[in-house]
């Protein structure tokens, strides 16, 4: 393998060897597993959320469920696990162990309390154990105790109140982790900023139901006859994560460093988060699917991307897509086009014809003898759904082509 470029990046003066991190989740539960992740290329970790032992955490069994789609495994993951079930003293000892044996890697302690006192005390303990930063968990979607997790993230005054309590207690940087189970994330992020947060992490998992048993009617995971709405993660939620990161990055009032998470498992995913304004990318479901080895693939792909695009530093990528993200009313509607077909490569499957007839502009007829589509460009909506289902995609057989002076297509009224 070719020598990688320098992938380090700084945030609040703390240097990350790479921008790829484990997120606060099942994959960051012990020093042993985190240490192996560091050796594999992860530059840091948001340690699984710490809490006081007064609330004994016992996780449901089973605690997760898969969401497969066709032949694609683990497009999404349903999880009903909550914060750490390990004793606080054991977790603090593990943080000390990590900083002793991997001093150049960054340990971010995720914490969650139920009062200003608890938030403050947990923060001080994590700082005392050697944590480089804190991540305030305002976003866990299945905590059932009032004043915790997502319930705090949806009560903006509590976001500010608990952030301020932590800010008064520690000197290390503070990240506030936002819930996506809300309409506008910039609003609670601004409350976190007013409370003293130095940066924002987004997103946590999206509340949902993965599947329901067709024999017993119980949502998965089926915990002895009971299911629940809980956190959903994986590649299926990446578009939501990119949306929230880009919106906060474009918020002129916020202007805080961002950490992106939600569905990243390839170098392309990581680069997209960077382009939308994140400086770091956290991963969970990708590790559950492929293991720690994905860090090497992501770092190699990121390095190759930087070489191809002539970027010297990871920070130079951050936010490059933002000037191109606009409200839909900014589109130039005077420019129109069509789907263009390379029929020499067509295999005659007919899927383009079916989808155009049933879900598009009905601009395709079918030649049964030649087994080829016959396109009427004047009726083409350029919706491009024919290209989405075409099996020839390396390179794509169906591409978009602009047609100068083409008028927008308005389907005719049925007679």
Protein backbone atom coordinates (compact mmCIF):
# COMPACT_ATOMS: atom_id res chain seq x y z
CA UNK A 1 0.00 0.00 0.00
CA UNK A 2 1.28 3.48 -0.89
CA UNK A 3 2.29 5.75 1.95
CA UNK A 4 -0.68 7.68 3.26
CA UNK A 5 -0.79 11.45 3.38
CA UNK A 6 -0.83 13.16 6.75
CA UNK A 7 -4.47 12.77 7.78
CA UNK A 8 -4.20 14.59 11.09
CA UNK A 9 -6.55 17.41 11.97
CA UNK A 10 -6.83 19.70 14.99
CA UNK A 11 -9.93 20.71 16.89
CA UNK A 12 -9.68 23.12 19.85
CA UNK A 13 -5.90 22.61 19.77
CA UNK A 14 -6.27 18.83 20.19
CA UNK A 15 -4.62 16.85 17.39
CA UNK A 16 -6.39 13.80 15.97
CA UNK A 17 -4.10 11.36 14.06
CA UNK A 18 -6.97 10.75 11.62
CA UNK A 19 -10.48 12.25 11.41
CA UNK A 20 -12.07 8.79 11.78
CA UNK A 21 -13.50 8.07 15.25
CA UNK A 22 -15.51 5.43 17.04
CA UNK A 23 -18.80 6.93 18.18
CA UNK A 24 -20.27 6.58 21.66
CA UNK A 25 -22.03 3.25 21.26
CA UNK A 26 -21.62 -0.52 21.66
CA UNK A 27 -18.31 -0.35 19.74
CA UNK A 28 -16.68 1.92 22.34
CA UNK A 29 -17.58 0.07 25.50
CA UNK A 30 -14.15 -1.06 26.79
CA UNK A 31 -10.49 -0.03 26.56
CA UNK A 32 -9.61 -3.38 25.01
CA UNK A 33 -11.84 -2.95 21.96
CA UNK A 34 -11.00 0.76 21.62
CA UNK A 35 -7.26 0.05 21.73
CA UNK A 36 -7.59 -2.38 18.83
CA UNK A 37 -9.53 0.28 16.93
CA UNK A 38 -6.71 2.79 17.51
CA UNK A 39 -4.20 0.28 16.15
CA UNK A 40 -6.40 -0.17 13.07
CA UNK A 41 -6.44 3.52 12.12
CA UNK A 42 -9.12 5.19 14.19
CA UNK A 43 -7.85 8.54 15.41
CA UNK A 44 -10.03 8.82 18.48
CA UNK A 45 -13.13 7.65 20.30
CA UNK A 46 -16.24 9.04 21.88
CA UNK A 47 -16.29 6.64 24.82
CA UNK A 48 -19.64 4.96 25.56
CA UNK A 49 -21.78 7.26 27.69
CA UNK A 50 -20.90 7.35 31.38
CA UNK A 51 -23.52 7.64 34.09
CA UNK A 52 -23.76 7.20 37.84
CA UNK A 53 -24.22 3.70 39.19
CA UNK A 54 -27.38 4.66 41.13
CA UNK A 55 -29.40 3.72 38.05
CA UNK A 56 -28.53 0.10 37.36
CA UNK A 57 -28.48 -0.40 33.62
CA UNK A 58 -29.46 -3.87 32.42
CA UNK A 59 -29.75 -4.08 28.66
CA UNK A 60 -32.69 -5.90 27.01
CA UNK A 61 -32.07 -9.29 25.43
CA UNK A 62 -31.86 -9.33 22.48
CA UNK A 63 -30.79 -5.71 22.19
CA UNK A 64 -30.42 -5.19 18.42
CA UNK A 65 -32.15 -6.03 15.15
CA UNK A 66 -30.91 -5.90 11.56
CA UNK A 67 -32.47 -4.12 8.62
CA UNK A 68 -31.52 -5.85 5.38
CA UNK A 69 -32.76 -4.73 1.97
CA UNK A 70 -32.72 -7.33 -0.76
CA UNK A 71 -29.24 -8.84 -0.86
CA UNK A 72 -27.73 -5.86 0.95
CA UNK A 73 -27.08 -6.70 4.59
CA UNK A 74 -27.29 -4.25 7.48
CA UNK A 75 -28.54 -1.21 5.59
CA UNK A 76 -29.84 -0.23 9.00
CA UNK A 77 -29.55 -1.28 12.62
CA UNK A 78 -32.20 -1.10 15.35
CA UNK A 79 -30.77 -0.75 18.85
CA UNK A 80 -32.45 -0.61 22.26
CA UNK A 81 -29.20 -0.47 24.22
CA UNK A 82 -28.82 2.48 26.56
CA UNK A 83 -25.80 4.03 28.29
CA UNK A 84 -22.97 1.93 29.71
CA UNK A 85 -23.90 -0.95 32.00
CA UNK A 86 -20.39 -1.05 33.42
CA UNK A 87 -19.47 0.48 36.82
CA UNK A 88 -18.34 4.10 36.61
CA UNK A 89 -15.01 3.33 38.29
CA UNK A 90 -14.23 0.66 35.67
CA UNK A 91 -14.93 3.07 32.81
CA UNK A 92 -12.79 5.80 34.36
CA UNK A 93 -9.97 3.28 34.80
CA UNK A 94 -10.29 2.30 31.13
CA UNK A 95 -10.03 5.95 30.07
CA UNK A 96 -6.81 6.26 32.09
CA UNK A 97 -5.52 3.06 30.47
CA UNK A 98 -6.23 4.35 26.96
CA UNK A 99 -4.45 7.66 27.57
CA UNK A 100 -1.46 5.84 29.05
CA UNK A 101 -1.02 3.37 26.18
CA UNK A 102 -2.27 5.49 23.25
CA UNK A 103 -1.34 9.04 24.34
CA UNK A 104 -1.53 10.45 20.79
CA UNK A 105 -5.07 9.23 20.24
CA UNK A 106 -8.00 11.33 21.41
CA UNK A 107 -10.43 10.12 24.04
CA UNK A 108 -13.74 11.98 24.23
CA UNK A 109 -15.81 10.99 27.25
CA UNK A 110 -19.55 10.94 26.61
CA UNK A 111 -21.50 11.73 29.78
CA UNK A 112 -25.15 11.94 30.78
CA UNK A 113 -26.59 13.00 34.12
CA UNK A 114 -30.05 13.73 35.51
CA UNK A 115 -29.33 17.03 37.28
CA UNK A 116 -26.85 19.89 37.10
CA UNK A 117 -24.91 18.26 39.93
CA UNK A 118 -24.63 14.92 38.12
CA UNK A 119 -23.61 16.48 34.81
CA UNK A 120 -20.99 18.53 36.62
CA UNK A 121 -19.60 15.64 38.67
CA UNK A 122 -19.43 13.24 35.73
CA UNK A 123 -17.62 15.88 33.69
CA UNK A 124 -15.06 16.47 36.44
CA UNK A 125 -14.47 12.73 36.86
CA UNK A 126 -13.97 12.24 33.12
CA UNK A 127 -11.56 15.17 32.97
CA UNK A 128 -9.68 13.80 35.98
CA UNK A 129 -9.30 10.42 34.25
CA UNK A 130 -7.49 12.11 31.38
CA UNK A 131 -10.25 12.65 28.79
CA UNK A 132 -9.24 15.12 26.09
CA UNK A 133 -12.80 16.33 25.53
CA UNK A 134 -16.36 15.76 26.67
CA UNK A 135 -19.42 14.90 24.62
CA UNK A 136 -22.72 15.71 26.32
CA UNK A 137 -25.34 13.11 25.43
CA UNK A 138 -28.47 15.16 24.76
CA UNK A 139 -29.69 12.68 22.20
CA UNK A 140 -30.06 9.00 23.20
CA UNK A 141 -33.46 8.13 21.62
CA UNK A 142 -34.57 5.41 24.00
CA UNK A 143 -33.78 6.65 27.51
CA UNK A 144 -37.10 6.41 29.39
CA UNK A 145 -36.23 8.60 32.38
CA UNK A 146 -37.38 12.22 32.19
CA UNK A 147 -34.50 14.68 32.01
CA UNK A 148 -32.21 12.33 30.11
CA UNK A 149 -31.00 11.67 26.57
CA UNK A 150 -33.24 12.85 23.74
CA UNK A 151 -35.73 14.32 26.21
CA UNK A 152 -33.08 16.89 27.15
CA UNK A 153 -32.21 17.54 23.51
CA UNK A 154 -35.84 18.39 22.84
CA UNK A 155 -36.03 20.78 25.82
CA UNK A 156 -33.72 23.57 24.72
CA UNK A 157 -33.50 25.35 28.05
CA UNK A 158 -32.16 22.13 29.59
CA UNK A 159 -29.53 21.88 26.84
CA UNK A 160 -28.25 25.31 27.81
CA UNK A 161 -28.60 24.68 31.54
CA UNK A 162 -26.69 21.39 31.62
CA UNK A 163 -24.04 22.62 29.17
CA UNK A 164 -23.44 25.65 31.38
CA UNK A 165 -23.13 23.43 34.46
CA UNK A 166 -20.45 21.36 32.73
CA UNK A 167 -18.68 24.43 31.36
CA UNK A 168 -18.29 25.81 34.89
CA UNK A 169 -16.81 22.52 36.08
CA UNK A 170 -14.11 21.65 33.55
CA UNK A 171 -11.49 23.24 31.34
CA UNK A 172 -11.41 20.69 28.52
CA UNK A 173 -13.44 21.27 25.32
CA UNK A 174 -17.12 20.35 25.26
CA UNK A 175 -19.12 18.85 22.39
CA UNK A 176 -22.92 18.76 22.62
CA UNK A 177 -24.44 15.76 20.82
CA UNK A 178 -27.75 16.69 19.22
CA UNK A 179 -30.81 14.53 18.56
CA UNK A 180 -32.11 14.21 14.97
CA UNK A 181 -35.58 13.56 16.36
CA UNK A 182 -36.42 17.22 15.96
CA UNK A 183 -37.28 19.58 13.10
CA UNK A 184 -34.49 22.19 13.25
CA UNK A 185 -31.22 21.22 14.90
CA UNK A 186 -29.67 24.68 14.68
CA UNK A 187 -31.97 25.92 17.47
CA UNK A 188 -30.84 23.53 20.25
CA UNK A 189 -27.28 23.85 18.94
CA UNK A 190 -27.46 27.59 19.58
CA UNK A 191 -28.71 26.92 23.11
CA UNK A 192 -25.73 24.62 23.62
CA UNK A 193 -23.43 27.35 22.35
CA UNK A 194 -24.93 29.84 24.79
CA UNK A 195 -24.29 27.32 27.55
CA UNK A 196 -20.63 27.17 26.61
CA UNK A 197 -20.31 24.27 24.16
CA UNK A 198 -17.21 24.44 21.96
CA UNK A 199 -18.62 22.22 19.21
CA UNK A 200 -21.55 20.06 18.11
CA UNK A 201 -21.83 16.34 17.31
CA UNK A 202 -24.65 15.12 15.07
CA UNK A 203 -26.50 12.94 14.58
CA UNK A 204 -27.50 10.32 17.09
CA UNK A 205 -29.79 7.52 15.95
CA UNK A 206 -33.20 8.21 14.40
CA UNK A 207 -36.26 6.86 16.19
CA UNK A 208 -37.97 4.18 14.16
CA UNK A 209 -39.26 0.64 13.80
CA UNK A 210 -37.12 -1.68 11.70
CA UNK A 211 -39.52 -4.56 11.14
CA UNK A 212 -42.57 -6.29 12.59
CA UNK A 213 -42.99 -10.04 12.88
CA UNK A 214 -45.70 -11.24 10.53
CA UNK A 215 -46.64 -14.14 12.81
CA UNK A 216 -46.53 -12.52 16.25
CA UNK A 217 -46.88 -8.82 15.22
CA UNK A 218 -44.06 -7.80 17.56
CA UNK A 219 -41.58 -5.12 16.42
CA UNK A 220 -37.93 -6.15 16.29
CA UNK A 221 -35.92 -6.66 18.36
CA UNK A 222 -38.52 -8.92 19.93
CA UNK A 223 -37.76 -8.80 23.65
CA UNK A 224 -39.91 -11.70 24.86
CA UNK A 225 -43.07 -10.47 23.17
CA UNK A 226 -42.46 -6.72 23.39
CA UNK A 227 -40.96 -4.28 20.89
CA UNK A 228 -40.35 -0.54 20.95
CA UNK A 229 -39.68 2.55 18.89
CA UNK A 230 -35.94 3.05 19.31
CA UNK A 231 -32.72 4.17 17.66
CA UNK A 232 -32.12 3.34 13.99
CA UNK A 233 -28.68 3.80 12.44
CA UNK A 234 -26.60 2.68 9.46
CA UNK A 235 -26.24 3.77 5.82
CA UNK A 236 -29.97 4.42 5.55
CA UNK A 237 -29.69 7.46 7.85
CA UNK A 238 -26.65 9.09 6.20
CA UNK A 239 -28.76 11.55 4.15
CA UNK A 240 -30.31 12.79 7.41
CA UNK A 241 -26.89 13.21 9.00
CA UNK A 242 -25.51 15.14 6.02
CA UNK A 243 -28.58 17.38 6.05
CA UNK A 244 -28.21 18.38 9.70
CA UNK A 245 -24.43 18.89 9.48
CA UNK A 246 -24.77 21.10 6.41
CA UNK A 247 -27.56 23.17 7.97
CA UNK A 248 -25.55 23.83 11.11
CA UNK A 249 -22.42 24.56 9.07
CA UNK A 250 -24.37 27.18 7.11
CA UNK A 251 -25.83 28.80 10.22
CA UNK A 252 -24.01 32.13 10.51
CA UNK A 253 -24.96 32.52 14.17
CA UNK A 254 -23.65 29.11 15.24
CA UNK A 255 -20.13 28.95 13.75
CA UNK A 256 -18.89 26.03 15.85
CA UNK A 257 -16.75 23.06 14.78
CA UNK A 258 -18.87 20.03 13.91
CA UNK A 259 -18.45 16.27 14.32
CA UNK A 260 -20.50 14.20 11.89
CA UNK A 261 -21.94 10.75 12.46
CA UNK A 262 -24.72 8.67 11.02
CA UNK A 263 -24.33 5.99 8.36
CA UNK A 264 -20.65 6.48 7.45
CA UNK A 265 -18.86 3.26 6.51
CA UNK A 266 -16.75 4.10 3.41
CA UNK A 267 -14.17 6.74 2.53
CA UNK A 268 -16.77 8.38 0.29
CA UNK A 269 -19.16 8.70 3.24
CA UNK A 270 -16.39 10.26 5.33
CA UNK A 271 -15.45 12.73 2.60
CA UNK A 272 -19.09 13.72 2.15
CA UNK A 273 -19.37 14.56 5.85
CA UNK A 274 -16.19 16.64 5.61
CA UNK A 275 -17.47 18.42 2.51
CA UNK A 276 -20.72 19.27 4.34
CA UNK A 277 -18.83 20.93 7.19
CA UNK A 278 -17.78 18.23 9.67
CA UNK A 279 -14.17 18.16 10.82
CA UNK A 280 -14.38 14.64 12.25
CA UNK A 281 -16.49 11.58 11.43
CA UNK A 282 -17.73 9.05 14.00
CA UNK A 283 -18.71 5.47 13.11
CA UNK A 284 -20.66 2.65 14.78
CA UNK A 285 -22.78 0.55 12.43
CA UNK A 286 -19.97 0.31 9.87
CA UNK A 287 -17.79 -1.29 12.55
CA UNK A 288 -20.60 -3.66 13.54
CA UNK A 289 -20.90 -4.68 9.88
CA UNK A 290 -17.25 -4.90 8.82
CA UNK A 291 -15.07 -4.58 11.92
CA UNK A 292 -12.18 -2.22 12.65
CA UNK A 293 -10.65 -2.90 9.22
CA UNK A 294 -12.87 -0.22 7.69
CA UNK A 295 -10.61 2.44 9.23
CA UNK A 296 -7.73 1.39 7.00
CA UNK A 297 -9.97 1.49 3.92
CA UNK A 298 -11.36 4.91 4.85
CA UNK A 299 -7.93 6.38 5.55
CA UNK A 300 -6.49 5.00 2.31
CA UNK A 301 -9.44 6.30 0.29
CA UNK A 302 -9.26 9.71 1.97
CA UNK A 303 -5.53 9.89 1.28
CA UNK A 304 -6.03 9.00 -2.39
CA UNK A 305 -8.81 11.60 -2.67
CA UNK A 306 -6.54 14.28 -1.20
CA UNK A 307 -3.78 13.35 -3.62
CA UNK A 308 -6.12 13.41 -6.63
CA UNK A 309 -7.70 16.74 -5.63
CA UNK A 310 -4.36 18.21 -4.46
CA UNK A 311 -5.42 18.83 -0.85
CA UNK A 312 -2.50 19.14 1.55
CA UNK A 313 -4.53 18.96 4.77
CA UNK A 314 -7.79 17.32 5.82
CA UNK A 315 -9.05 20.69 7.08
CA UNK A 316 -8.92 22.01 3.51
CA UNK A 317 -11.79 19.66 2.56
CA UNK A 318 -14.10 20.80 5.36
CA UNK A 319 -17.13 22.69 4.06
CA UNK A 320 -16.19 22.66 0.38
CA UNK A 321 -19.73 21.64 -0.61
CA UNK A 322 -21.49 24.37 1.36
CA UNK A 323 -21.39 27.08 -1.36
CA UNK A 324 -23.28 24.66 -3.60
CA UNK A 325 -26.11 23.86 -1.16
CA UNK A 326 -29.09 26.17 -1.74
CA UNK A 327 -32.84 26.34 -1.16
CA UNK A 328 -34.74 24.76 -4.04
CA UNK A 329 -36.05 28.15 -5.21
CA UNK A 330 -32.48 29.01 -6.26
CA UNK A 331 -32.53 26.48 -9.12
CA UNK A 332 -32.22 27.78 -12.69
CA UNK A 333 -35.48 26.46 -14.13
CA UNK A 334 -34.72 27.81 -17.60
CA UNK A 335 -32.19 25.00 -18.13
CA UNK A 336 -33.75 21.62 -18.92
CA UNK A 337 -32.53 18.27 -20.18
CA UNK A 338 -33.32 14.64 -20.87
CA UNK A 339 -32.13 11.15 -20.04
CA UNK A 340 -29.62 10.04 -22.70
CA UNK A 341 -29.29 6.33 -23.59
CA UNK A 342 -26.16 4.50 -24.81
CA UNK A 343 -28.13 1.81 -26.63
CA UNK A 344 -25.00 -0.02 -27.82
CA UNK A 345 -24.59 -1.17 -24.22
CA UNK A 346 -28.29 -1.91 -23.57
CA UNK A 347 -29.05 -5.52 -22.52
CA UNK A 348 -32.75 -5.24 -23.32
CA UNK A 349 -34.09 -5.88 -19.83
CA UNK A 350 -36.94 -3.38 -20.26
CA UNK A 351 -36.79 -1.99 -16.75
CA UNK A 352 -36.45 1.59 -18.03
CA UNK A 353 -39.65 1.18 -20.03
CA UNK A 354 -41.59 -0.19 -17.05
CA UNK A 355 -40.51 2.52 -14.63
CA UNK A 356 -41.06 5.31 -17.15
CA UNK A 357 -44.58 4.08 -17.85
CA UNK A 358 -45.53 3.51 -14.23
CA UNK A 359 -43.62 6.23 -12.37
CA UNK A 360 -42.20 8.70 -14.89
CA UNK A 361 -43.17 10.70 -17.94
CA UNK A 362 -44.37 7.91 -20.25
CA UNK A 363 -41.79 9.07 -22.79
CA UNK A 364 -40.57 5.55 -23.71
CA UNK A 365 -42.06 3.03 -26.09
CA UNK A 366 -40.67 -0.49 -26.38
CA UNK A 367 -39.34 -2.16 -29.55
CA UNK A 368 -40.16 -5.86 -29.03
CA UNK A 369 -38.10 -7.01 -32.01
CA UNK A 370 -34.87 -5.19 -31.11
CA UNK A 371 -35.60 -5.20 -27.36
CA UNK A 372 -34.66 -1.56 -27.06
CA UNK A 373 -36.36 1.56 -25.64
CA UNK A 374 -37.60 4.19 -28.08
CA UNK A 375 -37.46 7.57 -26.39
CA UNK A 376 -39.50 10.68 -27.11
CA UNK A 377 -37.17 13.43 -25.83
CA UNK A 378 -39.89 16.07 -25.92
CA UNK A 379 -41.88 14.14 -23.30
CA UNK A 380 -38.88 13.24 -21.10
CA UNK A 381 -39.15 14.80 -17.62
CA UNK A 382 -35.44 14.21 -16.91
CA UNK A 383 -36.55 12.64 -13.62
CA UNK A 384 -33.71 10.12 -14.18
CA UNK A 385 -35.51 7.26 -12.44
CA UNK A 386 -34.76 5.07 -15.48
CA UNK A 387 -31.05 5.47 -14.68
CA UNK A 388 -31.63 4.50 -11.04
CA UNK A 389 -32.92 1.03 -11.95
CA UNK A 390 -30.75 0.35 -15.02
CA UNK A 391 -28.39 -2.58 -14.24
CA UNK A 392 -25.61 -1.13 -16.45
CA UNK A 393 -23.93 1.41 -14.21
CA UNK A 394 -20.14 1.04 -14.61
CA UNK A 395 -20.15 3.49 -16.29
CA UNK A 396 -23.86 4.36 -16.37
CA UNK A 397 -25.69 3.51 -19.58
CA UNK A 398 -28.27 6.25 -18.92
CA UNK A 399 -27.00 9.75 -18.16
CA UNK A 400 -28.38 13.29 -18.00
CA UNK A 401 -27.95 15.58 -21.03
CA UNK A 402 -28.88 19.25 -21.16
CA UNK A 403 -30.96 20.32 -24.16
CA UNK A 404 -30.65 24.01 -24.98
CA UNK A 405 -33.96 25.87 -25.26
CA UNK A 406 -35.91 22.81 -24.13
CA UNK A 407 -39.18 23.79 -22.50
CA UNK A 408 -40.20 22.24 -19.20
CA UNK A 409 -42.47 19.24 -19.77
CA UNK A 410 -46.07 19.46 -18.53
CA UNK A 411 -47.86 16.11 -18.92
CA UNK A 412 -51.07 16.33 -20.94
CA UNK A 413 -54.55 16.02 -19.48
CA UNK A 414 -56.18 12.63 -20.11
CA UNK A 415 -59.11 12.70 -22.50
